[in-house]
Protein backbone atom coordinates (compact mmCIF):
# COMPACT_ATOMS: atom_id res chain seq x y z
CA MET A 1 115.38 184.42 107.26
CA SER A 2 113.41 185.80 110.24
CA LEU A 3 113.60 189.33 111.40
CA GLU A 4 111.85 190.06 114.79
CA ALA A 5 111.06 192.90 116.98
CA GLY A 6 110.93 192.89 120.72
CA PHE A 7 112.96 195.84 122.09
CA PRO A 8 113.20 199.25 120.53
CA GLY A 9 115.92 199.17 117.92
CA GLU A 10 116.23 195.38 118.10
CA ARG A 11 117.77 193.42 115.18
CA ALA A 12 117.44 189.65 115.23
CA TRP A 13 118.19 187.11 112.50
CA ILE A 14 117.37 183.28 112.40
CA LEU A 15 118.74 180.98 109.70
CA SER A 16 116.07 179.56 107.57
CA PRO A 17 115.58 175.65 107.58
CA ASP A 18 116.34 175.31 103.87
CA THR A 19 119.69 177.06 104.03
CA ALA A 20 120.60 175.23 107.33
CA ARG A 21 120.21 172.05 105.43
CA GLU A 22 122.41 173.11 102.57
CA ALA A 23 124.96 174.61 104.80
CA ALA A 24 125.27 171.39 106.73
CA ALA A 25 126.70 169.80 103.74
CA SER A 26 128.89 172.63 102.59
CA PRO A 27 132.62 173.32 103.30
CA ILE A 28 133.23 175.94 106.01
CA THR A 29 129.62 176.16 107.19
CA SER A 30 129.38 172.39 108.09
CA ASP A 31 132.27 172.98 110.48
CA LEU A 32 130.82 176.27 111.99
CA LEU A 33 127.45 177.46 111.48
CA VAL A 34 125.71 180.62 112.77
CA THR A 35 122.00 179.80 113.34
CA HIS A 36 120.82 183.00 115.20
CA CYS A 37 122.22 186.41 115.93
CA GLY A 38 121.17 189.87 116.96
CA TRP A 39 121.53 193.18 118.63
CA TYR A 40 119.40 194.00 121.63
CA PRO A 41 119.89 197.70 122.87
CA ARG A 42 118.99 198.55 126.36
CA ALA A 43 117.12 195.16 126.59
CA ARG A 44 114.98 195.88 129.67
CA HIS A 45 113.34 192.73 130.98
CA HIS A 46 115.46 190.63 128.71
CA GLY A 47 116.22 187.09 130.03
CA ARG A 48 116.13 183.41 129.33
CA THR A 49 116.03 180.17 131.41
CA ARG A 50 117.15 177.02 129.89
CA PRO A 51 117.15 174.02 132.31
CA ARG A 52 118.89 171.80 129.76
CA GLY A 53 120.88 174.28 127.97
CA THR A 54 120.88 174.49 124.19
CA ASP A 55 122.41 172.51 121.26
CA ALA A 56 124.60 175.39 120.27
CA VAL A 57 127.14 177.73 122.01
CA VAL A 58 125.51 181.07 123.02
CA LEU A 59 127.70 183.98 122.93
CA MET A 60 126.70 187.45 124.23
CA VAL A 61 129.00 190.53 123.99
CA CYS A 62 127.97 193.10 126.67
CA VAL A 63 128.49 196.67 124.83
CA ALA A 64 126.96 198.63 127.54
CA ALA A 65 125.43 198.60 131.12
CA ARG A 66 125.17 195.25 132.98
CA GLY A 67 123.44 191.89 133.15
CA TRP A 68 123.78 188.52 134.99
CA TYR A 69 123.79 184.88 134.34
CA ALA A 70 123.34 182.00 136.63
CA ASP A 71 124.19 178.29 136.73
CA THR A 72 124.65 175.56 139.18
CA ARG A 73 127.74 177.41 140.68
CA GLY A 74 125.70 180.65 141.54
CA ARG A 75 124.84 183.93 139.91
CA HIS A 76 127.58 185.99 138.24
CA ALA A 77 127.58 189.68 137.03
CA VAL A 78 128.24 190.54 133.39
CA ALA A 79 129.17 194.21 132.58
CA ALA A 80 130.22 196.33 129.62
CA GLY A 81 133.59 195.07 128.14
CA GLN A 82 132.70 191.53 128.95
CA ALA A 83 131.56 188.55 126.94
CA LEU A 84 129.29 185.72 128.26
CA ILE A 85 129.91 182.30 126.69
CA LEU A 86 127.27 179.53 127.36
CA PRO A 87 128.58 176.31 125.99
CA SER A 88 125.91 173.82 124.57
CA GLY A 89 124.20 171.45 126.84
CA VAL A 90 124.92 173.65 130.03
CA PRO A 91 121.80 174.61 131.95
CA HIS A 92 121.61 178.16 132.51
CA SER A 93 119.72 181.47 133.13
CA TYR A 94 120.61 185.06 132.18
CA GLY A 95 119.06 188.47 131.97
CA ALA A 96 119.47 192.24 131.86
CA ALA A 97 119.84 194.32 135.07
CA THR A 98 116.85 195.78 136.38
CA THR A 99 118.17 199.34 136.91
CA ASP A 100 120.74 199.41 134.11
CA PRO A 101 119.85 196.84 131.35
CA TRP A 102 122.60 195.71 129.08
CA THR A 103 122.98 196.34 125.40
CA ILE A 104 124.29 193.13 123.93
CA ALA A 105 125.29 191.58 120.59
CA TRP A 106 124.81 187.86 120.37
CA MET A 107 124.95 184.76 118.38
CA HIS A 108 124.17 181.01 118.44
CA ALA A 109 126.69 178.79 116.57
CA SER A 110 127.27 175.09 116.23
CA GLY A 111 129.46 172.50 114.53
CA PRO A 112 132.93 170.71 115.08
CA HIS A 113 134.76 173.93 115.03
CA VAL A 114 132.58 175.15 118.04
CA ARG A 115 132.78 171.78 119.93
CA ALA A 116 136.58 172.28 119.79
CA PHE A 117 136.26 175.69 121.01
CA GLU A 118 133.99 174.72 124.06
CA ARG A 119 136.58 171.97 124.90
CA ALA A 120 139.27 174.65 125.24
CA LEU A 121 137.21 176.73 127.58
CA PRO A 122 137.70 176.29 131.50
CA ASP A 123 136.38 172.93 132.73
CA ALA A 124 136.33 171.73 129.03
CA GLY A 125 132.97 173.75 128.39
CA ARG A 126 131.03 172.36 131.50
CA ARG A 127 129.95 175.78 132.68
CA GLY A 128 129.45 179.23 131.53
CA VAL A 129 132.49 181.65 131.30
CA VAL A 130 132.58 185.47 131.63
CA VAL A 131 135.39 186.89 129.52
CA ASP A 132 137.24 190.23 130.04
CA MET A 133 137.73 191.19 126.51
CA HIS A 134 141.11 192.84 125.85
CA ASP A 135 139.86 194.77 122.87
CA PRO A 136 136.04 195.25 123.18
CA VAL A 137 135.83 197.47 120.35
CA LYS A 138 137.43 195.02 117.99
CA VAL A 139 134.96 192.23 119.04
CA GLN A 140 132.12 194.41 119.10
CA GLY A 141 132.92 195.65 115.52
CA LEU A 142 133.08 192.01 114.44
CA MET A 143 129.76 191.30 115.85
CA GLY A 144 128.29 194.33 114.06
CA ALA A 145 129.84 193.01 110.89
CA LEU A 146 128.20 189.74 111.48
CA MET A 147 124.80 191.37 111.87
CA GLU A 148 125.16 193.40 108.74
CA THR A 149 126.23 190.33 106.69
CA VAL A 150 123.32 188.16 107.48
CA GLU A 151 120.80 190.81 107.23
CA VAL A 152 121.41 191.00 103.42
CA ASP A 153 119.95 187.64 102.75
CA ASP A 154 120.50 183.83 103.92
CA ARG A 155 122.04 182.42 100.97
CA LEU A 156 124.80 179.97 101.36
CA PRO A 157 127.54 182.55 100.39
CA THR A 158 126.29 184.85 102.90
CA VAL A 159 126.20 182.20 105.55
CA MET A 160 129.76 181.19 104.73
CA ARG A 161 130.83 184.88 105.34
CA ALA A 162 129.00 184.81 108.65
CA SER A 163 130.94 181.64 109.70
CA GLY A 164 134.33 183.25 108.86
CA THR A 165 133.36 186.32 111.04
CA ALA A 166 132.03 184.09 113.95
CA ALA A 167 135.24 182.10 113.99
CA ASN A 168 137.14 185.34 114.31
CA VAL A 169 135.04 186.31 117.38
CA LEU A 170 135.66 182.97 118.96
CA ALA A 171 139.32 183.22 118.38
CA HIS A 172 139.54 186.58 120.01
CA LEU A 173 137.61 185.61 123.07
CA LEU A 174 139.70 182.37 123.52
CA ALA A 175 142.92 184.28 123.15
CA ASP A 176 141.67 186.76 125.89
CA LEU A 177 140.82 183.83 128.09
CA ARG A 178 144.24 182.29 127.65
CA ALA A 179 145.99 185.84 128.13
CA GLY A 180 144.28 186.59 131.56
CA PRO A 181 142.64 189.66 132.72
CA PRO A 182 143.66 192.82 130.64
CA THR A 183 144.35 194.75 133.84
CA ARG A 184 147.15 192.19 134.61
CA GLN A 185 148.44 192.51 131.12
CA GLU A 186 148.27 196.29 130.48
CA PRO A 187 151.52 197.07 131.97
CA VAL A 188 153.24 194.35 130.08
CA LEU A 189 151.66 195.60 126.86
CA ARG A 190 153.11 199.05 127.54
CA VAL A 191 156.49 197.53 127.76
CA LEU A 192 155.87 195.38 124.52
CA SER A 193 154.85 198.54 122.66
CA HIS A 194 158.11 200.21 123.79
CA LEU A 195 160.08 197.23 122.68
CA ARG A 196 158.53 197.14 119.31
CA VAL A 197 159.78 200.74 118.59
CA HIS A 198 163.07 200.43 120.30
CA PHE A 199 164.04 196.76 119.60
CA ASP A 200 167.39 198.09 118.33
CA LYS A 201 168.42 199.64 121.62
CA PRO A 202 169.82 198.09 124.69
CA ALA A 203 167.25 196.88 126.92
CA ARG A 204 167.86 196.39 130.64
CA LEU A 205 165.40 194.04 132.61
CA GLY A 206 165.40 196.43 135.76
CA GLU A 207 164.41 199.36 133.57
CA LEU A 208 161.70 197.60 131.74
CA ALA A 209 160.41 196.27 135.13
CA ALA A 210 160.32 199.67 136.44
CA MET A 211 158.39 201.06 133.31
CA ALA A 212 155.76 198.37 134.22
CA GLY A 213 155.80 199.19 137.90
CA PHE A 214 156.86 195.87 139.22
CA SER A 215 159.69 194.13 140.68
CA THR A 216 162.08 192.46 138.38
CA SER A 217 161.12 188.88 139.29
CA HIS A 218 157.36 189.81 139.16
CA PHE A 219 157.79 191.53 135.72
CA SER A 220 159.77 188.71 134.39
CA ALA A 221 156.92 186.18 135.45
CA LEU A 222 154.22 188.44 133.93
CA PHE A 223 156.20 188.99 130.87
CA ARG A 224 156.58 185.23 130.20
CA GLU A 225 152.87 184.71 130.82
CA ALA A 226 151.88 187.23 128.30
CA THR A 227 154.48 186.25 125.57
CA GLY A 228 155.48 182.67 126.32
CA VAL A 229 159.12 183.72 126.30
CA SER A 230 161.78 185.68 128.22
CA VAL A 231 162.53 189.26 127.58
CA GLY A 232 165.79 188.35 125.86
CA THR A 233 164.17 185.90 123.54
CA TYR A 234 161.36 188.27 122.72
CA ILE A 235 163.82 190.96 121.82
CA LYS A 236 165.92 188.54 119.75
CA ARG A 237 162.84 187.60 117.83
CA LEU A 238 161.90 191.28 117.17
CA ARG A 239 165.39 191.95 115.86
CA THR A 240 165.34 188.74 113.74
CA ALA A 241 162.09 189.76 112.16
CA ARG A 242 163.41 193.32 111.21
CA ALA A 243 166.53 191.56 109.77
CA CYS A 244 164.50 189.35 107.64
CA GLU A 245 162.57 192.15 106.22
CA LEU A 246 165.94 194.07 105.48
CA LEU A 247 167.50 190.83 103.95
CA VAL A 248 164.68 190.31 101.58
CA THR A 249 164.03 193.96 100.57
CA THR A 250 167.43 195.55 100.30
CA ALA A 251 170.97 194.69 99.32
CA LEU A 252 172.38 196.02 102.27
CA PRO A 253 175.48 194.13 103.68
CA VAL A 254 174.96 191.86 106.64
CA ARG A 255 177.16 193.73 108.90
CA VAL A 256 175.10 196.97 108.20
CA ILE A 257 171.81 195.07 108.87
CA ALA A 258 173.33 193.64 112.06
CA GLN A 259 174.01 197.21 113.35
CA MET A 260 170.54 198.37 112.17
CA VAL A 261 168.90 195.88 114.30
CA GLY A 262 170.98 196.38 117.46
CA TYR A 263 174.08 194.02 117.17
CA GLU A 264 177.56 195.71 116.85
CA ASP A 265 179.21 192.25 116.25
CA PRO A 266 178.02 190.63 112.95
CA LEU A 267 179.21 187.28 114.03
CA TYR A 268 177.13 187.30 117.26
CA PHE A 269 174.29 188.48 115.09
CA SER A 270 174.59 185.63 112.65
CA ARG A 271 174.63 183.24 115.64
CA GLN A 272 171.43 184.78 117.02
CA PHE A 273 169.78 184.94 113.69
CA ARG A 274 170.60 181.08 113.14
CA ASN A 275 169.23 180.27 116.47
CA VAL A 276 165.67 181.73 115.54
CA ARG A 277 165.64 180.99 111.74
CA GLY A 278 167.72 177.81 111.53
CA CYS A 279 170.04 179.29 108.93
CA SER A 280 172.65 182.02 108.45
CA PRO A 281 171.54 185.56 107.23
CA SER A 282 173.30 184.94 103.85
CA ALA A 283 171.38 181.65 103.49
CA PHE A 284 168.17 183.25 104.27
CA ARG A 285 168.86 186.01 101.74
CA LEU A 286 169.92 183.53 99.11
CA ARG A 287 166.55 181.77 99.39
CA ASN A 288 164.20 184.65 99.88
CA GLY A 289 165.87 187.84 99.11
CA PRO A 290 166.81 189.84 95.77
CA THR A 291 169.87 189.26 93.81
CA VAL A 292 172.75 190.84 95.85
CA ALA A 293 175.67 192.48 94.10
CA ALA A 294 179.16 190.67 94.41
CA GLY A 295 180.86 191.76 97.58
CA ALA A 296 177.64 193.33 99.14
CA GLU A 297 177.97 190.72 102.02
CA GLY A 298 181.24 192.03 103.31
């Protein structure tokens, strides 16, 4: 393990060669291995130029202030709330802004899992990517947990824990990329929060669109982009999920559960339930739920 100092308050860690060799042949770490990570607060004059890139993905989470990176496509800004992903083998330069230098949490990781992550990036990982994080605090917390984990020691169990945390970070960033900019998603997220609370109430598309501040057609497109399904299908899934919970944890009659999740007609509820779960509510309860007293299904 190597702890180095360069900036006031800096924390940095490098995996020892002995543990790296052990990890290369071990489950979990052979698939995704964190080899370097650190925390650079207000890293004035921080920067690197790598004409041939690196043999690992380089990930930097900008916690505060600003920085930049450059590649063959030009120079790009990186600001607080964003993450910079530099895939392996991609030539690049980066650095802190002169007047307002960034604070970053960073890591290098390699392995088959990382290669798959890179292939899922824009241009299949042939260029750097700036990600607008949807939940910066969550990702920053994960990067902090990664740092705290590896600072204990660099024995294999510790490196395994680091691999799990790193995989979580990569999943969050890839999901944020797929979802699109958070400013585009925020109005839809407000509607989703509303629906999760009021799923049992009638939902009119026009009213939901007005809540988000869009026309009906624009809202429908954004909703499908955010969830992958229509508003009606999303509500049906919410209602079915709650119905499943009630079927498993209570002995309430199906007709009562239908009303509790927003269906006045038990037969229509059963059809909708079967459409989502592939079986009737009674069959679902029989397979998964408690013993129900005779006649309770009435």
